[in-house]
Amino acid sequence: MRVVEIFKGSRNDEMYLYVDQKVGTDSVPKELLENFGTLESVLIMPLNEHKKLAREKASSVLQSITENGYFLQMPPKPEALADAQIAAMIKAEEELSDGKDKKPNR
């Protein structure tokens, strides 16, 4: 297990930088840091290879941090965002229609 700190930059939406919290951004290439703009810490969390992450495999994140000192999460492709929005809308519709069939408890 490793404690990971996740940063976002002021220049790129949906792009995140994962680093070992103890090391920080010391091993991140200067050019990459410059592309991020001003860094803002968004989350500190313990991470092991079994942890479920939204867009990445935890094992890939940990491996990249071990090998490179950081992991760069790129923004999702526009098609992936559209697919996620459609799936969320379908789920919301299903939940609404399920709720119509139920009578309120009184």
Protein backbone atom coordinates (compact mmCIF):
# COMPACT_ATOMS: atom_id res chain seq x y z
CA MET A 1 0.00 0.00 0.00
CA ARG A 2 1.13 3.51 -0.80
CA VAL A 3 -0.32 6.89 0.16
CA VAL A 4 -0.97 8.78 -3.05
CA GLU A 5 -1.64 12.46 -3.57
CA ILE A 6 -3.62 13.52 -6.62
CA PHE A 7 -3.25 16.95 -8.21
CA LYS A 8 -5.14 18.80 -10.89
CA GLY A 9 -3.76 21.71 -12.83
CA SER A 10 -5.18 25.08 -13.75
CA ARG A 11 -4.74 24.50 -17.50
CA ASN A 12 -6.30 21.13 -18.33
CA ASP A 13 -9.69 19.92 -17.16
CA GLU A 14 -9.93 16.25 -16.27
CA MET A 15 -6.14 15.72 -16.29
CA TYR A 16 -4.69 14.50 -12.99
CA LEU A 17 -1.23 13.81 -11.64
CA TYR A 18 -0.78 11.00 -9.07
CA VAL A 19 2.36 10.96 -6.91
CA ASP A 20 3.61 9.27 -3.77
CA GLN A 21 2.66 11.69 -1.01
CA LYS A 22 6.01 11.32 0.75
CA VAL A 23 7.95 12.24 -2.39
CA GLY A 24 5.56 14.79 -3.84
CA THR A 25 6.22 16.20 -7.29
CA ASP A 26 10.04 16.11 -7.00
CA SER A 27 10.40 13.35 -9.61
CA VAL A 28 7.87 14.80 -12.08
CA PRO A 29 9.56 16.30 -15.17
CA LYS A 30 9.67 20.09 -15.09
CA GLU A 31 8.04 20.33 -18.55
CA LEU A 32 5.06 18.26 -17.40
CA LEU A 33 4.60 20.42 -14.31
CA GLU A 34 4.71 23.55 -16.48
CA ASN A 35 1.96 22.10 -18.71
CA PHE A 36 -0.27 21.69 -15.67
CA GLY A 37 -0.07 25.32 -14.63
CA THR A 38 -0.83 25.90 -10.95
CA LEU A 39 -1.20 22.58 -9.14
CA GLU A 40 -4.00 22.01 -6.67
CA SER A 41 -4.10 18.96 -4.41
CA VAL A 42 -7.52 17.35 -4.77
CA LEU A 43 -7.15 14.09 -2.83
CA ILE A 44 -4.83 12.12 -0.60
CA MET A 45 -5.65 8.44 -0.26
CA PRO A 46 -4.15 5.07 0.54
CA LEU A 47 -3.88 3.01 -2.62
CA ASN A 48 -3.26 -0.69 -3.14
CA GLU A 49 -3.64 -2.77 -6.29
CA HIS A 50 -7.14 -3.92 -5.27
CA LYS A 51 -8.59 -0.41 -4.85
CA LYS A 52 -11.31 0.44 -7.37
CA LEU A 53 -10.65 3.68 -9.23
CA ALA A 54 -13.07 5.42 -11.57
CA ARG A 55 -10.97 5.53 -14.74
CA GLU A 56 -7.72 3.73 -14.10
CA LYS A 57 -6.46 0.41 -12.79
CA ALA A 58 -4.87 0.90 -9.39
CA SER A 59 -2.10 -1.54 -10.32
CA SER A 60 -1.18 0.62 -13.35
CA VAL A 61 -1.11 3.76 -11.22
CA LEU A 62 1.11 2.13 -8.61
CA GLN A 63 3.45 0.65 -11.22
CA SER A 64 3.90 4.02 -12.93
CA ILE A 65 4.60 5.76 -9.62
CA THR A 66 7.19 3.09 -8.78
CA GLU A 67 8.87 3.26 -12.19
CA ASN A 68 8.51 6.95 -13.06
CA GLY A 69 7.70 8.73 -9.82
CA TYR A 70 4.26 9.77 -11.05
CA PHE A 71 1.18 8.68 -12.97
CA LEU A 72 -0.53 10.98 -15.47
CA GLN A 73 -4.26 10.49 -15.95
CA MET A 74 -5.31 12.01 -19.24
CA PRO A 75 -8.79 13.44 -19.85
CA PRO A 76 -11.30 10.95 -21.21
CA LYS A 77 -11.97 10.98 -24.92
CA PRO A 78 -15.15 12.90 -25.84
CA GLU A 79 -16.80 9.64 -26.94
CA ALA A 80 -16.21 8.16 -23.49
CA LEU A 81 -17.80 11.19 -21.85
CA ALA A 82 -20.82 10.93 -24.11
CA ASP A 83 -21.19 7.21 -23.37
CA ALA A 84 -20.98 7.88 -19.62
CA GLN A 85 -23.61 10.63 -19.85
CA ILE A 86 -25.96 8.40 -21.84
CA ALA A 87 -25.52 5.54 -19.35
CA ALA A 88 -26.25 7.92 -16.44
CA MET A 89 -29.40 9.20 -18.18
CA ILE A 90 -30.65 5.65 -18.83
CA LYS A 91 -30.01 4.69 -15.22
CA ALA A 92 -31.84 7.80 -13.96
CA GLU A 93 -34.83 7.04 -16.21
CA GLU A 94 -34.94 3.45 -14.96
CA GLU A 95 -34.82 4.59 -11.34
CA LEU A 96 -37.60 7.10 -11.97
CA SER A 97 -39.82 4.54 -13.65
CA ASP A 98 -39.15 2.03 -10.85
CA GLY A 99 -40.21 4.68 -8.34
CA LYS A 100 -43.50 5.30 -10.16
CA ASP A 101 -44.51 1.68 -9.64
CA LYS A 102 -44.05 1.87 -5.89
CA LYS A 103 -46.66 3.29 -3.59
CA PRO A 104 -45.51 5.61 -0.84
CA ASN A 105 -45.47 4.24 2.70
CA ARG A 106 -48.03 5.90 4.97
